[in-house]
Amino acid sequence: MTAAQGRSATLSTHVLDATAGRPAAGVPVRLERRGPDRWSPAGAGQTDADGRLTLEADKDGRGSGRGSGPGFEPGVYRITFGTGTYFEAHGTASFYPEVTVTFEMTSHGEHYHVPLLLSPFAYSTYRGS
């Protein structure tokens, strides 16, 4: 086993408000992990003043957001951004009440970064670093 295989994956996000040209602070974020029969909670939080959030796994590697463990185990996850809540707080009408991005963590020891570029009527995402 390599050093990377001995560690679990880590996860962060960064939300940018393209309309305002600044980080999107205060966006609610929910992370879930796909299981055999259902999705399970794997973490939650809110973006900071710089639009960033690091989600941390619990000791079993599945993720609770409590940050007491080494990282996430490989698997399929989905991250849901509360974009409607964010725009409503800023007095802006928007089309998407939430944005959900489903992705797969395939490797131990890797850092996964899921950024979101947001506007009231469009969004884009990619695998960041």
Protein backbone atom coordinates (compact mmCIF):
# COMPACT_ATOMS: atom_id res chain seq x y z
CA MET A 1 0.00 0.00 0.00
CA THR A 2 1.35 3.43 -0.91
CA ALA A 3 1.23 6.42 1.43
CA ALA A 4 -1.65 7.86 -0.59
CA GLN A 5 -3.64 4.62 -0.24
CA GLY A 6 -3.27 4.82 3.54
CA ARG A 7 -5.10 8.16 3.64
CA SER A 8 -8.68 8.92 2.71
CA ALA A 9 -9.77 11.63 0.31
CA THR A 10 -10.42 15.25 1.32
CA LEU A 11 -13.08 17.57 -0.12
CA SER A 12 -13.53 21.31 -0.50
CA THR A 13 -15.68 23.71 -2.49
CA HIS A 14 -15.57 27.35 -3.54
CA VAL A 15 -18.64 29.28 -4.73
CA LEU A 16 -18.23 32.43 -6.80
CA ASP A 17 -21.10 34.80 -7.58
CA ALA A 18 -20.41 35.74 -11.22
CA THR A 19 -23.05 38.47 -11.19
CA ALA A 20 -21.54 40.28 -8.22
CA GLY A 21 -17.96 39.41 -9.16
CA ARG A 22 -17.17 38.16 -5.66
CA PRO A 23 -17.17 35.03 -3.50
CA ALA A 24 -20.61 33.79 -2.48
CA ALA A 25 -20.59 33.86 1.32
CA GLY A 26 -23.27 32.09 3.31
CA VAL A 27 -24.32 29.47 0.75
CA PRO A 28 -25.74 26.41 2.55
CA VAL A 29 -24.00 23.20 1.42
CA ARG A 30 -25.11 19.59 1.99
CA LEU A 31 -23.03 16.51 1.12
CA GLU A 32 -24.45 13.01 0.74
CA ARG A 33 -22.88 9.62 -0.04
CA ARG A 34 -24.60 7.02 -2.19
CA GLY A 35 -25.18 3.69 -0.50
CA PRO A 36 -26.70 0.49 -1.81
CA ASP A 37 -30.29 1.60 -1.18
CA ARG A 38 -30.23 5.32 -0.46
CA TRP A 39 -28.23 8.51 -0.07
CA SER A 40 -26.84 9.16 3.42
CA PRO A 41 -25.78 12.46 4.97
CA ALA A 42 -22.01 12.91 4.72
CA GLY A 43 -21.50 16.53 5.76
CA ALA A 44 -22.93 20.00 5.76
CA GLY A 45 -21.88 23.58 6.24
CA GLN A 46 -21.99 27.06 4.84
CA THR A 47 -19.47 28.92 2.71
CA ASP A 48 -17.29 31.41 4.54
CA ALA A 49 -16.62 35.06 3.66
CA ASP A 50 -14.32 33.89 0.85
CA GLY A 51 -16.99 31.53 -0.55
CA ARG A 52 -15.06 28.47 0.63
CA LEU A 53 -15.96 25.38 2.63
CA THR A 54 -13.89 22.34 3.55
CA LEU A 55 -16.01 19.31 4.37
CA GLU A 56 -14.46 16.77 6.71
CA ALA A 57 -15.27 13.11 7.26
CA ASP A 58 -15.95 11.50 10.58
CA LYS A 59 -13.88 8.63 11.98
CA ASP A 60 -15.55 6.00 9.77
CA GLY A 61 -14.56 7.89 6.61
CA ARG A 62 -18.14 8.38 5.49
CA GLY A 63 -18.44 12.01 6.44
CA SER A 64 -20.52 13.79 9.00
CA GLY A 65 -18.97 17.22 8.74
CA ARG A 66 -17.69 16.93 12.30
CA GLY A 67 -14.09 16.66 11.18
CA SER A 68 -12.97 13.95 13.59
CA GLY A 69 -11.64 11.57 10.94
CA PRO A 70 -8.94 11.33 8.32
CA GLY A 71 -11.04 11.93 5.18
CA PHE A 72 -13.58 10.41 2.85
CA GLU A 73 -13.60 6.88 1.49
CA PRO A 74 -13.94 6.38 -2.27
CA GLY A 75 -17.52 6.38 -3.49
CA VAL A 76 -20.21 8.38 -5.24
CA TYR A 77 -21.18 11.64 -3.55
CA ARG A 78 -23.47 14.53 -4.29
CA ILE A 79 -23.08 18.06 -3.07
CA THR A 80 -26.12 20.33 -2.98
CA PHE A 81 -25.75 24.10 -2.87
CA GLY A 82 -28.63 26.19 -1.48
CA THR A 83 -28.45 28.75 -4.27
CA GLY A 84 -32.03 29.97 -3.85
CA THR A 85 -31.39 30.72 -0.19
CA TYR A 86 -28.26 32.65 -1.12
CA PHE A 87 -29.94 34.79 -3.79
CA GLU A 88 -33.04 35.38 -1.66
CA ALA A 89 -30.82 36.73 1.13
CA HIS A 90 -29.39 39.19 -1.42
CA GLY A 91 -32.82 40.23 -2.74
CA THR A 92 -32.19 38.64 -6.13
CA ALA A 93 -34.65 36.48 -8.07
CA SER A 94 -33.14 33.25 -9.37
CA PHE A 95 -34.14 30.25 -11.45
CA TYR A 96 -32.38 27.43 -9.56
CA PRO A 97 -33.46 26.96 -5.93
CA GLU A 98 -30.56 24.55 -5.53
CA VAL A 99 -27.72 23.10 -7.56
CA THR A 100 -26.72 19.46 -7.09
CA VAL A 101 -23.46 18.08 -8.43
CA THR A 102 -22.90 14.31 -8.35
CA PHE A 103 -19.31 13.08 -8.56
CA GLU A 104 -17.11 10.12 -7.71
CA MET A 105 -14.13 10.04 -5.39
CA THR A 106 -12.05 7.22 -6.81
CA SER A 107 -8.70 7.47 -5.06
CA HIS A 108 -7.40 7.36 -1.54
CA GLY A 109 -5.23 10.27 -0.52
CA GLU A 110 -6.47 12.70 -3.17
CA HIS A 111 -7.94 16.11 -2.62
CA TYR A 112 -11.22 16.74 -4.43
CA HIS A 113 -12.35 20.30 -5.07
CA VAL A 114 -15.82 21.02 -6.50
CA PRO A 115 -16.13 24.73 -7.38
CA LEU A 116 -19.37 26.39 -8.44
CA LEU A 117 -19.58 29.51 -10.60
CA LEU A 118 -23.02 30.93 -9.97
CA SER A 119 -25.42 33.51 -11.38
CA PRO A 120 -29.21 33.81 -10.90
CA PHE A 121 -29.99 32.01 -14.18
CA ALA A 122 -26.92 29.86 -14.88
CA TYR A 123 -24.14 27.90 -13.20
CA SER A 124 -21.08 25.87 -14.08
CA THR A 125 -18.79 23.53 -12.24
CA TYR A 126 -15.63 21.53 -12.82
CA ARG A 127 -13.15 19.41 -10.91
CA GLY A 128 -10.75 21.87 -9.35
CA SER A 129 -7.51 21.34 -7.51
